[in-house]
Protein backbone atom coordinates (compact mmCIF):
# COMPACT_ATOMS: atom_id res chain seq x y z
CA MET A 1 75.34 105.44 104.64
CA SER A 2 74.13 105.72 101.10
CA VAL A 3 70.57 105.63 100.00
CA ARG A 4 69.04 102.16 100.30
CA LEU A 5 67.19 100.65 97.33
CA ALA A 6 64.82 97.77 98.00
CA VAL A 7 65.96 94.38 96.64
CA PRO A 8 62.73 93.89 94.75
CA PHE A 9 63.33 97.18 92.92
CA LEU A 10 67.05 96.08 92.09
CA LEU A 11 65.73 92.88 90.58
CA ALA A 12 63.09 94.75 88.63
CA LEU A 13 65.80 97.02 87.09
CA ALA A 14 68.05 94.03 86.47
CA ALA A 15 65.22 92.34 84.58
CA THR A 16 65.15 95.26 82.08
CA ALA A 17 68.47 93.87 80.56
CA PRO A 18 68.18 93.66 76.80
CA LEU A 19 66.82 90.58 75.07
CA THR A 20 70.19 90.12 73.29
CA ALA A 21 71.89 89.72 76.68
CA PRO A 22 70.13 86.98 78.74
CA LEU A 23 70.69 86.95 82.48
CA SER A 24 73.61 84.88 83.64
CA ALA A 25 72.91 82.04 86.09
CA THR A 26 74.40 83.96 88.91
CA ALA A 27 72.53 87.08 88.23
CA GLN A 28 69.10 85.28 88.19
CA THR A 29 69.65 84.38 91.77
CA PRO A 30 68.48 87.08 94.29
CA PRO A 31 71.45 88.68 96.10
CA PRO A 32 72.16 87.84 99.77
CA ALA A 33 70.10 89.84 102.23
CA ALA A 34 71.45 93.27 102.78
CA PRO A 35 72.91 94.01 106.32
CA ALA A 36 70.51 94.89 108.99
CA LYS A 37 71.76 98.48 109.10
CA ALA A 38 70.87 98.97 105.51
CA VAL A 39 67.35 97.75 105.87
CA ALA A 40 66.40 99.89 108.81
CA ALA A 41 64.20 102.84 108.15
CA ALA A 42 65.86 106.23 108.08
CA ALA A 43 65.97 107.81 111.58
CA PRO A 44 64.45 111.24 112.01
CA THR A 45 67.90 112.60 112.35
CA ASP A 46 68.52 111.56 108.86
CA ALA A 47 65.68 113.61 107.40
CA ALA A 48 67.89 116.39 106.21
CA ARG A 49 70.30 113.95 104.58
CA MET A 50 67.46 112.16 102.82
CA ALA A 51 65.94 115.46 101.62
CA ARG A 52 69.26 116.31 100.06
CA LEU A 53 69.64 112.91 98.45
CA THR A 54 66.18 113.14 96.88
CA ALA A 55 66.08 116.82 95.98
CA PRO A 56 65.14 117.61 92.37
CA LEU A 57 67.88 118.23 89.93
CA PRO A 58 68.08 119.07 86.14
CA ALA A 59 67.52 116.02 83.97
CA ASP A 60 71.18 115.53 83.00
CA GLN A 61 72.28 115.82 86.54
CA ALA A 62 69.51 113.58 87.82
CA ALA A 63 70.34 110.91 85.22
CA MET A 64 73.98 110.73 86.52
CA LYS A 65 72.83 110.66 90.21
CA ALA A 66 70.32 107.89 89.51
CA HIS A 67 73.03 105.62 88.19
CA VAL A 68 75.22 106.34 91.21
CA MET A 69 72.22 105.89 93.61
CA PHE A 70 71.73 102.31 92.28
CA LEU A 71 75.32 101.15 91.78
CA ALA A 72 76.61 102.61 95.07
CA SER A 73 73.67 101.58 97.21
CA ASP A 74 74.08 99.38 100.17
CA ALA A 75 72.16 96.66 98.44
CA MET A 76 75.05 96.39 95.94
CA ARG A 77 77.42 95.62 98.89
CA GLY A 78 80.43 97.27 97.27
CA ARG A 79 80.15 95.46 93.83
CA ASP A 80 83.03 93.03 94.54
CA ALA A 81 84.15 91.29 91.29
CA GLY A 82 82.73 87.77 91.27
CA SER A 83 79.86 88.57 93.69
CA GLY A 84 76.13 88.22 92.88
CA GLU A 85 75.78 91.98 93.42
CA TYR A 86 78.43 92.71 90.82
CA ASP A 87 76.47 90.57 88.34
CA ILE A 88 73.35 92.65 88.98
CA ALA A 89 75.30 95.83 88.50
CA ALA A 90 76.66 94.44 85.28
CA GLN A 91 73.02 93.67 84.09
CA TYR A 92 72.12 97.21 85.10
CA VAL A 93 74.78 98.60 82.92
CA ALA A 94 73.80 96.35 80.07
CA ALA A 95 70.19 97.58 80.35
CA GLN A 96 71.41 101.16 80.17
CA PHE A 97 73.40 100.42 77.13
CA TYR A 98 70.42 98.84 75.53
CA ALA A 99 68.29 101.95 76.35
CA ALA A 100 71.02 104.18 74.86
CA GLY A 101 70.75 102.18 71.62
CA LEU A 102 74.26 100.74 71.65
CA ARG A 103 75.19 97.65 69.60
CA PRO A 104 75.94 94.62 71.84
CA MET A 105 79.61 93.76 71.72
CA GLY A 106 79.92 90.96 74.32
CA ASP A 107 79.59 87.18 74.05
CA ALA A 108 76.83 85.39 71.84
CA GLY A 109 75.29 88.70 70.67
CA GLY A 110 74.93 90.12 74.09
CA TYR A 111 76.39 92.95 76.10
CA LEU A 112 78.28 90.72 78.65
CA GLN A 113 81.72 89.33 77.97
CA LYS A 114 82.34 86.52 80.42
CA VAL A 115 85.60 86.97 82.32
CA PRO A 116 86.77 83.77 83.98
CA LEU A 117 88.45 85.26 87.02
CA THR A 118 90.40 82.84 89.29
CA ALA A 119 91.53 83.51 92.72
CA TYR A 120 94.88 81.80 93.59
CA LYS A 121 97.05 81.51 96.56
CA ILE A 122 99.97 79.45 97.93
CA ALA A 123 99.00 76.04 99.48
CA GLY A 124 101.22 75.32 102.37
CA GLU A 125 104.77 76.38 103.14
CA GLY A 126 106.60 74.83 100.19
CA THR A 127 110.22 73.74 100.41
CA PHE A 128 113.44 75.58 99.61
CA ARG A 129 116.45 73.24 99.56
CA TRP A 130 120.09 74.21 98.90
CA THR A 131 122.67 71.81 97.62
CA GLY A 132 126.19 73.25 97.79
CA ALA A 133 128.89 72.30 95.39
CA ASN A 134 130.62 69.99 98.01
CA ALA A 135 127.84 69.43 100.55
CA ALA A 136 124.61 67.50 101.23
CA ALA A 137 121.37 69.11 100.56
CA ARG A 138 120.23 71.59 103.29
CA ALA A 139 116.66 72.61 103.87
CA LEU A 140 115.97 76.32 104.46
CA VAL A 141 113.56 77.31 107.11
CA PHE A 142 110.11 78.61 106.27
CA GLY A 143 109.38 82.04 107.88
CA SER A 144 112.88 82.85 108.81
CA ASP A 145 114.89 81.93 105.60
CA TYR A 146 112.19 82.08 102.96
CA VAL A 147 108.51 82.42 102.18
CA PRO A 148 107.14 80.85 98.96
CA ALA A 149 105.17 82.73 96.30
CA ALA A 150 102.01 81.44 94.66
CA ASN A 151 102.51 80.59 90.90
CA PRO A 152 99.42 81.61 88.91
CA ALA A 153 100.68 79.51 85.96
CA ALA A 154 100.82 76.02 87.74
CA LYS A 155 99.17 73.97 90.37
CA ALA A 156 102.57 72.51 91.28
CA THR A 157 105.92 74.20 90.92
CA ASN A 158 109.26 72.33 90.96
CA VAL A 159 112.30 74.24 89.88
CA SER A 160 115.94 73.20 90.48
CA ALA A 161 118.81 75.20 89.07
CA PRO A 162 121.95 77.36 89.90
CA ILE A 163 121.14 80.78 91.28
CA VAL A 164 122.79 84.11 90.13
CA TYR A 165 122.49 87.51 91.92
CA LEU A 166 121.99 90.47 89.58
CA GLY A 167 121.27 93.49 91.88
CA TYR A 168 117.99 95.10 90.81
CA GLY A 169 117.55 92.39 88.06
CA LEU A 170 116.36 95.04 85.67
CA SER A 171 116.89 95.71 81.89
CA ALA A 172 115.89 99.19 80.70
CA PRO A 173 118.46 100.22 78.21
CA ALA A 174 116.71 103.57 77.41
CA TYR A 175 117.56 104.60 80.99
CA GLY A 176 121.11 103.05 81.06
CA ILE A 177 120.09 100.09 83.11
CA ASP A 178 121.12 96.63 82.08
CA ASP A 179 121.85 94.27 85.04
CA TYR A 180 122.15 91.31 82.56
CA ALA A 181 125.03 92.79 80.61
CA GLY A 182 127.68 90.09 80.21
CA VAL A 183 125.86 87.52 82.33
CA ASP A 184 124.56 84.29 81.12
CA VAL A 185 121.37 83.42 83.12
CA ARG A 186 120.01 80.66 80.76
CA GLY A 187 118.61 77.77 82.75
CA LYS A 188 119.22 79.58 86.15
CA ILE A 189 117.25 81.28 88.88
CA VAL A 190 117.77 85.09 89.09
CA ALA A 191 118.01 86.62 92.63
CA TYR A 192 117.34 90.38 92.94
CA VAL A 193 116.84 93.04 95.51
CA GLY A 194 113.71 95.40 95.39
CA GLY A 195 113.55 99.04 94.47
CA VAL A 196 114.73 100.90 91.44
CA PRO A 197 117.69 103.21 90.65
CA ALA A 198 117.25 106.72 91.91
CA GLY A 199 116.35 109.56 89.54
CA LEU A 200 113.92 107.73 87.23
CA PRO A 201 110.69 109.45 86.36
CA SER A 202 107.93 108.21 88.58
CA GLU A 203 105.89 106.41 85.90
CA ILE A 204 108.97 104.59 84.78
CA ALA A 205 109.98 103.83 88.30
CA ALA A 206 106.46 102.43 88.99
CA THR A 207 106.68 100.25 85.79
CA LEU A 208 110.02 98.82 86.67
CA GLY A 209 109.49 98.58 90.48
CA GLY A 210 107.44 95.42 90.81
CA ALA A 211 108.09 91.78 90.23
CA PRO A 212 106.57 91.70 86.67
CA ALA A 213 109.38 93.92 85.21
CA ARG A 214 112.06 91.52 86.79
CA LEU A 215 110.25 88.36 85.57
CA ALA A 216 109.97 89.86 82.05
CA ALA A 217 113.70 90.60 81.98
CA ALA A 218 114.56 87.22 83.45
CA ALA A 219 112.36 85.55 80.80
CA ALA A 220 113.81 87.54 77.96
CA HIS A 221 117.23 86.24 79.03
CA GLY A 222 116.39 82.58 79.37
CA ALA A 223 116.04 82.16 83.23
CA VAL A 224 113.77 79.58 84.72
CA GLY A 225 112.63 81.42 87.83
CA ALA A 226 113.32 84.29 90.14
CA VAL A 227 113.60 85.00 93.90
CA ALA A 228 113.49 88.32 95.73
CA ILE A 229 115.93 89.15 98.54
CA ALA A 230 114.32 91.30 101.17
CA ASP A 231 115.55 94.03 103.48
CA LEU A 232 118.64 95.11 101.71
CA ARG A 233 117.20 98.27 100.18
CA ARG A 234 114.86 100.82 101.77
CA ALA A 235 111.40 99.33 102.10
CA GLY A 236 109.00 101.04 99.67
CA ARG A 237 108.09 100.64 95.98
CA GLY A 238 109.13 97.18 94.86
CA ALA A 239 111.13 96.60 98.03
CA PRO A 240 108.96 95.23 100.94
CA GLY A 241 110.48 94.01 104.12
CA PHE A 242 110.68 90.23 104.84
CA ASP A 243 108.16 90.48 107.75
CA THR A 244 105.61 92.21 105.42
CA VAL A 245 106.00 89.54 102.75
CA LYS A 246 105.72 86.80 105.42
CA LYS A 247 102.48 88.31 106.81
CA GLY A 248 100.67 88.38 103.45
CA TYR A 249 102.34 85.46 101.60
CA ASP A 250 99.18 83.25 101.55
CA SER A 251 96.67 86.02 100.61
CA GLU A 252 94.60 85.38 97.57
CA ARG A 253 95.30 87.14 94.36
CA VAL A 254 93.26 87.34 91.33
CA THR A 255 93.94 86.90 87.52
CA TRP A 256 91.92 85.41 84.62
CA ALA A 257 91.89 81.75 84.08
CA LEU A 258 93.25 79.71 81.19
CA PRO A 259 91.17 76.75 79.78
CA ASP A 260 93.08 74.36 82.08
CA GLY A 261 92.01 76.27 85.19
CA THR A 262 95.37 77.82 85.89
CA GLY A 263 95.85 81.58 85.78
CA SER A 264 97.15 83.94 83.18
CA THR A 265 100.60 85.54 83.76
CA ALA A 266 102.97 87.35 81.31
CA THR A 267 105.79 85.01 82.20
CA PRO A 268 104.37 81.52 82.65
CA ALA A 269 107.78 79.86 82.27
CA VAL A 270 109.54 82.10 84.73
CA PRO A 271 107.66 82.09 88.12
CA LEU A 272 108.54 84.21 91.12
CA LEU A 273 109.46 81.31 93.43
CA GLY A 274 109.48 83.37 96.71
CA THR A 275 111.39 85.79 98.93
CA LEU A 276 114.59 85.18 100.80
CA SER A 277 115.63 86.87 104.00
CA PRO A 278 119.16 88.07 104.39
CA ALA A 279 119.75 85.03 106.67
CA GLY A 280 118.44 82.68 103.90
CA ALA A 281 120.45 84.43 101.11
CA ALA A 282 123.64 84.02 103.27
CA LYS A 283 123.05 80.29 103.28
CA LEU A 284 123.11 80.22 99.43
CA PHE A 285 126.00 82.74 98.70
CA GLY A 286 128.23 81.70 101.53
CA ARG A 287 131.59 83.61 101.70
CA ASP A 288 130.35 86.07 98.95
CA TRP A 289 127.35 87.17 101.02
CA ALA A 290 128.92 89.73 103.43
CA ALA A 291 130.31 91.84 100.53
CA MET A 292 127.06 91.48 98.53
CA ALA A 293 124.98 92.67 101.49
CA ARG A 294 127.24 95.67 102.17
CA ALA A 295 127.18 96.82 98.55
CA ALA A 296 123.37 96.32 98.37
CA ARG A 297 122.80 98.45 101.49
CA ARG A 298 124.67 101.49 100.06
CA LYS A 299 122.67 104.46 98.79
CA VAL A 300 123.67 103.75 95.21
CA LEU A 301 123.49 100.15 94.23
CA ARG A 302 126.42 99.01 92.14
CA ALA A 303 126.13 95.20 92.33
CA ARG A 304 128.42 92.80 90.61
CA PRO A 305 126.76 89.53 89.48
CA VAL A 306 127.48 86.57 91.74
CA THR A 307 126.63 82.94 90.89
CA ALA A 308 126.21 80.82 94.06
CA ALA A 309 128.21 77.56 94.13
CA GLY A 310 125.28 75.00 94.18
CA THR A 311 121.72 74.42 93.28
CA LEU A 312 118.57 75.75 94.62
CA THR A 313 115.46 73.46 94.57
CA VAL A 314 112.09 75.00 95.15
CA GLU A 315 108.82 72.97 95.39
CA SER A 316 105.42 74.60 96.08
CA ALA A 317 101.71 74.17 95.36
CA THR A 318 99.12 76.75 94.39
CA SER A 319 95.39 76.46 94.78
CA PHE A 320 92.71 78.09 92.52
CA ARG A 321 89.13 79.20 93.08
CA ALA A 322 86.85 80.07 90.22
CA LEU A 323 85.44 83.57 90.53
CA PRO A 324 83.42 84.19 87.30
CA SER A 325 82.49 87.76 86.39
CA SER A 326 81.93 89.85 83.34
CA ASN A 327 82.77 92.98 81.35
CA VAL A 328 79.92 94.94 79.74
CA LEU A 329 80.42 96.22 76.11
CA GLY A 330 78.32 98.31 73.73
CA MET A 331 79.27 100.14 70.59
CA ILE A 332 78.16 102.97 68.29
CA PRO A 333 79.36 101.87 64.81
CA GLY A 334 81.41 104.23 62.79
CA SER A 335 79.89 105.90 59.71
CA ASP A 336 82.92 106.40 57.49
CA PRO A 337 83.63 103.73 54.93
CA ALA A 338 87.46 104.29 55.19
CA VAL A 339 87.90 104.52 58.95
CA GLY A 340 84.56 103.18 60.37
CA ARG A 341 86.08 99.98 61.64
CA GLU A 342 88.62 101.78 63.70
CA THR A 343 87.49 102.16 67.23
CA VAL A 344 87.77 104.66 70.12
CA ALA A 345 87.30 102.94 73.44
CA LEU A 346 85.91 104.62 76.49
CA SER A 347 86.45 102.60 79.69
CA ALA A 348 85.48 102.64 83.36
CA HIS A 349 85.58 99.94 86.04
CA LEU A 350 82.32 98.62 87.49
CA ASP A 351 83.74 96.85 90.53
CA HIS A 352 84.77 98.23 93.96
CA VAL A 353 86.18 96.45 97.02
CA GLY A 354 83.00 94.92 98.46
CA VAL A 355 82.43 94.37 102.16
CA GLY A 356 85.34 94.76 104.66
CA LYS A 357 86.54 95.88 107.93
CA ALA A 358 84.13 98.00 109.89
CA VAL A 359 84.83 101.82 109.93
CA ASP A 360 82.62 103.72 112.38
CA GLY A 361 80.32 100.68 112.36
CA ASP A 362 80.09 100.52 108.49
CA THR A 363 81.36 97.61 106.61
CA ILE A 364 80.06 98.29 103.09
CA TYR A 365 82.59 99.99 100.74
CA ASN A 366 80.02 101.56 98.37
CA GLY A 367 82.48 103.11 95.73
CA ALA A 368 80.43 106.02 94.76
CA LEU A 369 83.24 108.12 93.27
CA ASP A 370 85.37 104.97 92.86
CA ASP A 371 83.98 104.17 90.29
CA ALA A 372 80.23 104.24 90.13
CA ILE A 373 80.48 107.90 88.93
CA GLY A 374 82.82 106.81 86.19
CA ILE A 375 80.34 104.23 85.05
CA ALA A 376 77.50 106.84 85.19
CA SER A 377 79.76 109.11 82.98
CA LEU A 378 80.25 106.35 80.62
CA ILE A 379 76.55 105.65 80.26
CA GLU A 380 75.76 109.41 79.81
CA ALA A 381 78.59 109.85 77.34
CA ALA A 382 77.04 106.98 75.28
CA LYS A 383 73.70 108.91 75.24
CA ARG A 384 75.44 111.96 73.96
CA PHE A 385 77.04 110.14 71.11
CA LYS A 386 73.72 108.38 70.20
CA GLN A 387 71.86 111.71 70.16
CA ALA A 388 74.43 113.38 67.88
CA ALA A 389 75.42 112.64 64.30
CA ALA A 390 77.17 109.26 63.94
CA PRO A 391 80.89 109.35 64.49
CA LYS A 392 83.29 108.58 61.68
CA ARG A 393 85.17 105.94 63.73
CA SER A 394 83.28 103.46 66.00
CA VAL A 395 83.09 104.23 69.67
CA LEU A 396 83.16 101.33 72.17
CA PHE A 397 81.89 101.72 75.60
CA LEU A 398 83.47 99.26 78.08
CA ALA A 399 82.71 98.65 81.75
CA VAL A 400 85.25 96.31 83.16
CA THR A 401 85.47 94.05 86.19
CA ALA A 402 88.32 93.51 88.69
CA GLU A 403 90.13 96.78 88.28
CA GLU A 404 90.52 96.73 92.02
CA LYS A 405 92.21 93.33 91.88
CA GLY A 406 94.88 94.43 89.57
CA LEU A 407 93.36 95.68 86.25
CA VAL A 408 92.21 92.17 85.56
CA GLY A 409 89.04 92.70 83.66
CA SER A 410 90.76 95.17 81.22
CA ASP A 411 93.66 92.81 80.81
CA TYR A 412 91.21 90.09 79.81
CA PHE A 413 89.54 92.36 77.27
CA VAL A 414 92.80 93.46 75.53
CA ASN A 415 93.84 89.82 75.33
CA HIS A 416 90.34 88.72 74.20
CA PRO A 417 89.10 91.76 72.39
CA THR A 418 85.75 91.80 70.73
CA VAL A 419 87.14 94.10 68.01
CA PRO A 420 90.66 93.62 66.72
CA ILE A 421 93.13 95.27 69.07
CA ALA A 422 94.90 96.83 66.07
CA ASP A 423 91.76 98.74 65.30
CA ILE A 424 91.47 100.29 68.68
CA VAL A 425 93.01 103.79 68.07
CA ALA A 426 92.77 105.18 71.66
CA ASP A 427 91.39 104.56 75.12
CA VAL A 428 89.80 107.28 77.20
CA ASN A 429 89.58 106.12 80.69
CA LEU A 430 86.97 107.40 83.31
CA ASP A 431 88.07 106.38 86.82
CA MET A 432 87.38 108.03 90.14
CA PRO A 433 86.80 111.67 89.25
CA ILE A 434 86.56 113.52 92.56
CA LEU A 435 83.52 115.76 91.91
CA THR A 436 82.99 117.38 95.30
CA TYR A 437 84.08 120.84 94.14
CA ARG A 438 83.79 123.10 91.10
CA PHE A 439 86.95 122.25 89.14
CA GLU A 440 88.85 125.00 87.56
CA ASP A 441 91.23 122.90 85.47
CA MET A 442 91.85 119.30 84.37
CA VAL A 443 94.77 116.89 84.37
CA ALA A 444 95.34 114.39 81.62
CA PHE A 445 97.54 111.54 82.88
CA GLY A 446 99.46 110.27 79.73
CA GLY A 447 98.17 113.15 77.58
CA ASP A 448 101.68 114.36 76.93
CA ARG A 449 102.95 110.90 75.62
CA SER A 450 100.99 111.01 72.32
CA THR A 451 99.15 113.14 69.87
CA LEU A 452 96.15 113.00 72.19
CA GLY A 453 97.59 115.87 74.10
CA PRO A 454 96.46 118.70 71.89
CA ILE A 455 93.01 117.04 71.44
CA ILE A 456 92.62 116.99 75.23
CA ALA A 457 93.73 120.64 75.48
CA ARG A 458 91.05 121.77 72.94
CA ALA A 459 88.39 119.62 74.62
CA VAL A 460 88.90 121.10 78.10
CA ALA A 461 89.09 124.59 76.71
CA GLY A 462 85.61 123.91 75.25
CA ILE A 463 84.20 123.55 78.75
CA GLY A 464 86.14 126.62 80.01
CA VAL A 465 89.04 125.29 81.85
CA GLY A 466 92.77 124.80 81.15
CA LEU A 467 94.93 121.70 81.22
CA SER A 468 97.41 121.51 84.09
CA PRO A 469 100.47 119.26 84.57
CA ASP A 470 100.26 116.24 86.86
CA PRO A 471 100.08 117.63 90.38
CA MET A 472 101.14 114.35 92.05
CA PRO A 473 103.76 112.71 89.74
CA GLU A 474 105.12 110.72 92.71
CA GLU A 475 101.86 108.65 92.58
CA ALA A 476 102.52 107.44 89.02
CA ILE A 477 98.89 107.50 88.27
CA PHE A 478 99.33 106.80 84.65
CA VAL A 479 100.20 103.14 85.29
CA ARG A 480 97.48 102.46 87.82
CA SER A 481 94.18 102.17 86.07
CA ASP A 482 92.52 100.29 83.19
CA HIS A 483 93.89 102.51 80.32
CA PHE A 484 97.28 101.00 81.06
CA ARG A 485 96.33 97.66 79.79
CA PHE A 486 95.61 99.25 76.48
CA VAL A 487 99.00 101.08 76.66
CA GLN A 488 100.54 97.62 77.14
CA LYS A 489 99.15 96.64 73.72
CA GLY A 490 100.61 99.71 72.19
CA VAL A 491 97.33 101.83 72.15
CA PRO A 492 97.81 105.66 73.05
CA SER A 493 95.57 106.23 75.94
CA VAL A 494 94.71 108.89 78.49
CA PHE A 495 93.07 109.20 81.87
CA LEU A 496 91.39 112.48 82.70
CA TRP A 497 90.82 113.98 86.17
CA PRO A 498 89.44 117.26 87.43
CA GLY A 499 92.45 119.44 88.46
CA GLN A 500 93.57 120.82 91.77
CA LYS A 501 93.40 124.50 91.14
CA GLY A 502 91.42 126.63 93.64
CA PRO A 503 89.46 124.30 95.98
CA GLY A 504 90.70 121.18 94.15
CA LYS A 505 93.80 120.41 96.19
CA ALA A 506 91.99 120.46 99.49
CA ALA A 507 88.97 118.46 98.11
CA VAL A 508 91.25 115.74 96.62
CA ALA A 509 93.34 115.49 99.71
CA ALA A 510 90.12 115.18 101.86
CA PHE A 511 88.82 112.39 99.79
CA MET A 512 92.05 110.42 99.53
CA ASP A 513 92.63 110.80 103.33
CA ARG A 514 89.11 110.00 104.51
CA CYS A 515 87.16 108.07 101.87
CA TYR A 516 89.39 106.43 99.35
CA HIS A 517 88.69 102.62 99.63
CA LYS A 518 86.62 103.25 102.77
CA PRO A 519 82.94 103.01 103.51
CA CYS A 520 82.37 106.79 103.47
CA ASP A 521 82.85 106.78 99.67
CA ASP A 522 79.10 106.96 99.30
CA LEU A 523 76.30 109.31 98.52
CA SER A 524 76.79 111.16 101.96
CA GLN A 525 79.61 112.98 100.19
CA PRO A 526 78.93 116.45 98.84
CA ILE A 527 78.96 115.40 95.26
CA LEU A 528 78.35 118.25 92.79
CA TRP A 529 76.26 116.68 90.03
CA ASP A 530 76.68 119.73 87.73
CA GLN A 531 80.47 119.02 87.89
CA GLY A 532 79.65 115.49 86.77
CA VAL A 533 77.92 116.77 83.66
CA ARG A 534 80.98 118.96 83.02
CA PHE A 535 83.14 115.98 83.40
CA VAL A 536 81.05 113.94 80.79
CA ASP A 537 81.18 116.88 78.48
CA ALA A 538 84.94 117.01 78.52
CA ASN A 539 85.37 113.23 77.92
CA TYR A 540 82.76 113.30 75.17
CA ARG A 541 84.67 116.08 73.37
CA ILE A 542 87.88 114.15 73.62
CA ALA A 543 86.32 110.96 72.20
CA ARG A 544 84.39 112.72 69.58
CA GLU A 545 87.45 114.55 68.20
CA ILE A 546 89.40 111.27 68.10
CA ALA A 547 86.51 109.58 66.43
CA ASP A 548 86.25 112.31 63.60
CA ALA A 549 89.92 113.06 63.25
CA PRO A 550 91.62 112.55 59.86
CA ASP A 551 94.40 110.46 61.56
CA ARG A 552 94.49 108.06 64.44
CA PRO A 553 96.56 109.05 67.43
CA ARG A 554 100.30 108.26 67.55
CA TRP A 555 102.79 108.05 70.35
CA ASN A 556 105.23 110.91 70.42
CA LYS A 557 108.64 110.32 68.97
CA GLY A 558 110.90 108.42 71.39
CA ASP A 559 108.16 108.07 74.06
CA TYR A 560 109.20 105.28 76.56
CA PHE A 561 105.89 103.53 76.59
CA GLY A 562 105.36 103.81 72.88
CA LEU A 563 108.75 102.18 72.38
CA LEU A 564 108.38 99.65 75.25
CA PHE A 565 105.12 98.04 74.24
CA LYS A 566 105.07 98.62 70.41
CA GLY A 567 101.85 98.62 68.51
CA PRO A 568 100.46 99.97 65.22
CA MET A 569 101.18 103.60 66.25
CA ALA A 570 104.46 102.96 68.08
CA ALA A 571 106.83 105.76 68.78
CA GLN A 572 109.82 105.96 66.42
């Protein structure tokens, strides 16, 4: 496992946090004792490994490694958002921002922005009751007809309305998709099947594939709730099977809390009420169901809207548990009187997935590459900016919480920005660079969607590599990390990774297969720290050019995301 740092040393480092950012109550409490395996002295057979971990490096490489040694140590227990160990990691980053000379940009003149995370889950089985047009109310059966969904916006949910089936339940006119055409769903519950139409670009398919896109469309058309119908389309993106939903229906999910203790959601008035099995849906749609099901199972879905003859009543309860955490923010102010208040954001996530199921006897998911090394890169990029001439635009350094729980910390920040969101001209995101090989190219997820593209190409050329197209478009990586929360506010953003030329493809595949979200993502990996310095250099060059450019970045004309989310620099 990764190198073990003694708890007193951790607390001593945490105590170096700047005077402007007092320790939070949770961070003042010593962390729980580390697991016994982490306390044990290194066995003689570990001598070679320890020698490699402690071998001298050039100063810039040693600085990066030192950050990762701390953040990905066993004592940090995987930096789970909401844990005491995460709080210590946040204090460490705050101290590093202070040492780098950054201006505090958190709460109350400090570096920490409190993020009121809340964990929520369904409480009990809820009830689904169907009242036909000419029949008495009939209860559906939990676990065979339906499973309820937790509602982050309310402790108690009670919806009673007619229900209308709309196929995919999507509205994306730019791609010729409008399941709401000619249908009045005001005051009704929308029923939909999972999945998306074939042939969509992967990033668009990923954006439309989940419940949020359906709920947004339903809300825009005046619906009061939505239910998914399982098992009619091939299981996969946005189309889980009923048994899968049933197995995990009462799992905790995380969002950020509103003042009343309930959770944030983009569609508070239109909750996802639950999932129906085909048997449950048949009870609602009666004689129409057989034809609906046949059509839904065809390779190409061409569904006609069907309104069931009756009323669906859903009652459920959601429980909430406070899980306080924090983002860490520091800034280098811009020097130009005209554009100095405009801001370039560099982001990385500080959390990982904590302690989990044992793999080869190890339960600590250290998160060295995901994303301690991104945080190390953020800190080292801040040092570079501070040592150079002041940038014309301001540069914000943002370490966010709860990325692993659904990009929650970055979502909180863009909804509670400590600088006006309209002044943020771009986000450059540093997440999970796989630095176990000498990279020969780089990939910029989202770079081709805005005028950031040419900037990125020049930056990577400056470190002696070229820019390659996305080698794994099926993964839709552009929509899967914290920069996407900025995109959703209309901010042109990019996410840079080492590319897959030469040894890259095998190295990336090895990490994803063996160590992604597993305990072996620790310092036992063959991390090349000189490649970490190159990665910092590339991101610094990108941010520097954005900061000093005459014009702020713009979405390319007609770009889907620039049009979808709007913003000061929206696509035309």
